[in-house]
Amino acid sequence: MKKAKLIIPAVALIAAVGVLGLNSTDAFAAKQGMEKCYGVVKAGKNDCANVSKTHSCAGQSTMDGDKGEWIYLAEGTCGKLVNGSTTTSTL
């Protein structure tokens, strides 16, 4: 009986997420004052999908400084970093 009490709310939550149309990028929606910064991410530390669409999840970058990988940083910070860019040429 205890398992049923736990499963029902979990199923309801999954259904609600599906109805609302939430996806993995919604989990990393930019907060006010933040910007995507490309080219400065360490391997395994990216925030979400890459530009080339070879993966769609956070933490799946495989090399440091990949110009197609990004991470959210405070606005104005990206341009101060070596290789940091708010746009990418890997489209």
Foldseek 3Di string as FASTA:
>chain_A
DVVVVVVVVVVVVVVVCVVVVDDQVVVVPDDPQKAKKFQADAQQAFCAAWPVRPDGGHRHHHHGRHRRTIHIDGPPVQVVDVSIDRDGPPD
